[in-house]
Amino acid sequence: MSMYFVGIDISKYKHDCCIISAADQKVVSKFTIKNDKSGFEQLIITFNSLSNSEDIKIGFESTAHYALNLELFLENANHSFMEVNPVLIKEYKKSTSLRRTKTDFIDCESIARWLMTVEYKPHSKGFYHAYSLKSLTRLRDRLIRQRSFYLVKITNLLDHTFPEFKPFFNERFSKTALYLLE
C-alpha cells in the first residue's frame, strides 16, 4: 500500500502537477491540466490510475482565486488538499538546491517533496461556503459605504442649492420629498 504526494503549481489557465510515490520517493508522473472541468476530471482519472488512489496528499501554493475551482472540485470528489504559503516553498527550494531555476515543473515537484517533510494539515471542508459568505459580506460592506458616500454628496448638494428644502422634511429621501425634487 503506497502513499502519493501531489504537488500542483497553480496558474491562471493551467496547473502543472507532479505525483511522487512515498515508497521510493520517485516521480510517478508529471503533467499539465487546464484550469477547467475537463482538466480537473483528467486529474481525477490520473489519481484513479494509481495503485492506491485513496492515499493521496495534495498540496498547492495559495494563489488568490486561481485555485478556487480546483479546490471546490477536489472537495466534491472527496479529496483533501493543503494550501501552502509560497514563501515556505521558496525557502524549501533554496535549502534543497543551489540553482535558481524557476519552472512550473520544478515548482510542482518542490511542492510535492515539501509535503513529504511536513505534517499534512488538509484544508477544512466547506471552505467554499465560507469564502462565498466572506465575499458577500465584503460586497455588502462596500455597497453600504457607497450608499453612504452618495447620501452625503446629495445632502451637501441640496444644502448648497436648495437650503430651504431640509427644514420641511424629516426624511429627505421619502417618496414625497423625492417627488417634489423631481
Protein backbone atom coordinates (compact mmCIF):
# COMPACT_ATOMS: atom_id res chain seq x y z
CA MET A 1 0.00 0.00 0.00
CA SER A 2 1.67 3.16 -1.20
CA MET A 3 1.01 6.78 -0.40
CA TYR A 4 1.33 9.51 -3.01
CA PHE A 5 2.23 13.17 -2.67
CA VAL A 6 0.85 15.52 -5.31
CA GLY A 7 2.29 18.98 -5.89
CA ILE A 8 0.29 21.34 -8.06
CA ASP A 9 1.68 24.63 -9.37
CA ILE A 10 -1.36 26.85 -9.87
CA SER A 11 -1.59 29.31 -12.77
CA LYS A 12 -4.38 31.27 -14.38
CA TYR A 13 -5.04 28.94 -17.33
CA LYS A 14 -3.23 25.69 -16.43
CA HIS A 15 -1.88 23.75 -13.47
CA ASP A 16 1.35 21.74 -13.55
CA CYS A 17 1.17 18.56 -11.48
CA CYS A 18 3.75 16.19 -10.05
CA ILE A 19 2.98 12.91 -8.29
CA ILE A 20 5.67 11.33 -6.12
CA SER A 21 5.47 7.87 -4.56
CA ALA A 22 6.23 7.85 -0.85
CA ALA A 23 7.63 4.31 -1.08
CA ASP A 24 10.69 5.13 -3.20
CA GLN A 25 10.37 8.95 -3.37
CA LYS A 26 10.47 8.80 -7.16
CA VAL A 27 8.38 10.90 -9.51
CA VAL A 28 5.49 8.77 -10.76
CA SER A 29 4.06 11.34 -13.14
CA LYS A 30 4.40 14.96 -14.29
CA PHE A 31 1.67 16.51 -16.40
CA THR A 32 -0.27 19.69 -17.08
CA ILE A 33 -4.02 20.15 -16.79
CA LYS A 34 -6.20 23.02 -17.92
CA ASN A 35 -7.84 25.17 -15.26
CA ASP A 36 -11.31 23.91 -16.17
CA LYS A 37 -13.64 21.00 -15.53
CA SER A 38 -12.10 18.76 -18.20
CA GLY A 39 -8.63 19.37 -16.75
CA PHE A 40 -9.86 18.58 -13.22
CA GLU A 41 -11.50 15.38 -14.47
CA GLN A 42 -8.19 14.42 -16.10
CA LEU A 43 -6.54 14.90 -12.69
CA ILE A 44 -9.06 12.57 -11.02
CA ILE A 45 -8.56 9.96 -13.77
CA THR A 46 -4.80 10.14 -13.09
CA PHE A 47 -5.42 9.72 -9.36
CA ASN A 48 -7.65 6.70 -10.03
CA SER A 49 -4.92 5.09 -12.14
CA LEU A 50 -2.56 5.00 -9.14
CA SER A 51 -2.20 1.68 -7.32
CA ASN A 52 -3.81 3.05 -4.15
CA SER A 53 -5.80 6.10 -5.10
CA GLU A 54 -7.29 6.56 -1.61
CA ASP A 55 -3.98 7.55 -0.01
CA ILE A 56 -3.15 10.82 -1.77
CA LYS A 57 -1.91 14.01 -0.18
CA ILE A 58 -2.33 17.08 -2.37
CA GLY A 59 -0.65 20.44 -1.92
CA PHE A 60 -0.50 23.71 -3.81
CA GLU A 61 0.53 27.28 -3.14
CA SER A 62 -2.05 29.83 -2.05
CA THR A 63 -2.70 31.81 -5.22
CA ALA A 64 -5.63 34.11 -4.57
CA HIS A 65 -8.62 32.97 -6.63
CA TYR A 66 -6.94 30.90 -9.38
CA ALA A 67 -7.26 27.68 -7.37
CA LEU A 68 -10.86 28.16 -6.20
CA ASN A 69 -12.50 26.00 -8.86
CA LEU A 70 -9.92 23.25 -8.37
CA GLU A 71 -10.43 23.36 -4.60
CA LEU A 72 -14.21 23.04 -4.97
CA PHE A 73 -13.79 20.20 -7.48
CA LEU A 74 -11.39 18.31 -5.19
CA GLU A 75 -13.70 18.79 -2.21
CA ASN A 76 -16.68 17.46 -4.19
CA ALA A 77 -14.54 14.49 -5.32
CA ASN A 78 -13.72 13.78 -1.63
CA HIS A 79 -10.01 14.57 -1.94
CA SER A 80 -8.32 16.55 0.77
CA PHE A 81 -5.77 19.23 -0.08
CA MET A 82 -3.40 21.54 1.73
CA GLU A 83 -2.79 25.15 0.76
CA VAL A 84 0.85 26.11 1.22
CA ASN A 85 2.36 29.52 1.82
CA PRO A 86 4.52 30.27 -1.28
CA VAL A 87 7.31 31.61 0.97
CA LEU A 88 7.66 28.16 2.57
CA ILE A 89 8.11 26.53 -0.84
CA LYS A 90 10.61 29.19 -1.91
CA GLU A 91 12.67 28.59 1.25
CA TYR A 92 12.42 24.83 0.82
CA LYS A 93 13.68 25.09 -2.77
CA LYS A 94 16.59 27.27 -1.60
CA SER A 95 17.53 24.70 1.03
CA THR A 96 17.48 21.77 -1.39
CA SER A 97 19.14 23.30 -4.46
CA LEU A 98 21.80 25.85 -5.22
CA ARG A 99 20.34 26.57 -8.66
CA ARG A 100 17.96 29.49 -9.07
CA THR A 101 15.80 27.88 -11.74
CA LYS A 102 12.14 28.78 -11.92
CA THR A 103 9.99 26.44 -13.94
CA ASP A 104 6.50 25.26 -13.17
CA PHE A 105 7.53 21.59 -13.29
CA ILE A 106 10.31 22.22 -10.75
CA ASP A 107 7.81 24.14 -8.61
CA CYS A 108 5.21 21.37 -8.59
CA GLU A 109 7.86 18.80 -7.71
CA SER A 110 9.15 21.04 -4.91
CA ILE A 111 5.63 21.31 -3.51
CA ALA A 112 5.21 17.51 -3.59
CA ARG A 113 8.59 16.94 -1.93
CA TRP A 114 7.89 19.62 0.68
CA LEU A 115 4.61 17.85 1.50
CA MET A 116 6.65 14.74 2.36
CA THR A 117 8.55 16.67 5.04
CA VAL A 118 5.68 18.28 6.97
CA GLU A 119 2.58 17.28 8.88
CA TYR A 120 -0.30 17.14 6.41
CA LYS A 121 -2.99 19.60 7.50
CA PRO A 122 -5.78 19.48 4.93
CA HIS A 123 -7.96 22.48 4.22
CA SER A 124 -11.20 22.34 6.18
CA LYS A 125 -14.33 21.09 4.45
CA GLY A 126 -16.89 23.67 3.46
CA PHE A 127 -14.28 26.35 2.74
CA TYR A 128 -16.16 27.31 -0.42
CA HIS A 129 -19.22 28.37 1.56
CA ALA A 130 -17.07 30.33 3.98
CA TYR A 131 -15.32 32.00 1.02
CA SER A 132 -18.69 32.86 -0.56
CA LEU A 133 -20.00 34.29 2.71
CA LYS A 134 -16.84 36.35 3.14
CA SER A 135 -17.16 37.68 -0.43
CA LEU A 136 -20.83 38.55 0.06
CA THR A 137 -20.10 40.27 3.38
CA ARG A 138 -17.36 42.36 1.78
CA LEU A 139 -19.64 43.26 -1.13
CA ARG A 140 -22.41 44.33 1.26
CA ASP A 141 -19.95 46.46 3.23
CA ARG A 142 -18.71 48.11 0.02
CA LEU A 143 -22.27 48.83 -1.13
CA ILE A 144 -23.21 50.37 2.23
CA ARG A 145 -20.11 52.59 2.09
CA GLN A 146 -21.00 53.66 -1.46
CA ARG A 147 -24.58 54.40 -0.44
CA SER A 148 -23.38 56.50 2.50
CA PHE A 149 -20.93 58.35 0.25
CA TYR A 150 -23.69 59.27 -2.22
CA LEU A 151 -26.17 60.22 0.50
CA VAL A 152 -23.62 62.68 1.91
CA LYS A 153 -22.97 64.06 -1.60
CA ILE A 154 -26.70 64.52 -2.25
CA THR A 155 -27.23 66.15 1.15
CA ASN A 156 -24.32 68.55 0.57
CA LEU A 157 -25.63 69.42 -2.88
CA LEU A 158 -29.15 70.00 -1.53
CA ASP A 159 -27.82 72.17 1.33
CA HIS A 160 -25.93 74.24 -1.21
CA THR A 161 -28.53 74.56 -3.99
CA PHE A 162 -31.82 74.32 -2.07
CA PRO A 163 -31.24 75.19 1.62
CA GLU A 164 -34.99 75.70 2.23
CA PHE A 165 -35.68 72.05 1.47
CA LYS A 166 -34.16 70.48 4.60
CA PRO A 167 -36.41 72.05 7.30
CA PHE A 168 -39.63 70.86 5.59
CA PHE A 169 -38.82 67.15 5.61
CA ASN A 170 -37.79 64.90 8.47
CA GLU A 171 -36.92 62.22 5.93
CA ARG A 172 -35.20 63.93 3.00
CA PHE A 173 -35.39 60.83 0.82
CA SER A 174 -39.02 59.90 1.37
CA LYS A 175 -41.24 59.33 -1.66
CA THR A 176 -42.88 62.73 -1.21
CA ALA A 177 -39.58 64.61 -0.89
CA LEU A 178 -38.10 62.87 -3.91
CA TYR A 179 -41.29 63.52 -5.92
CA LEU A 180 -41.14 67.26 -5.12
CA LEU A 181 -37.44 67.42 -6.03
CA GLU A 182 -38.15 65.67 -9.31
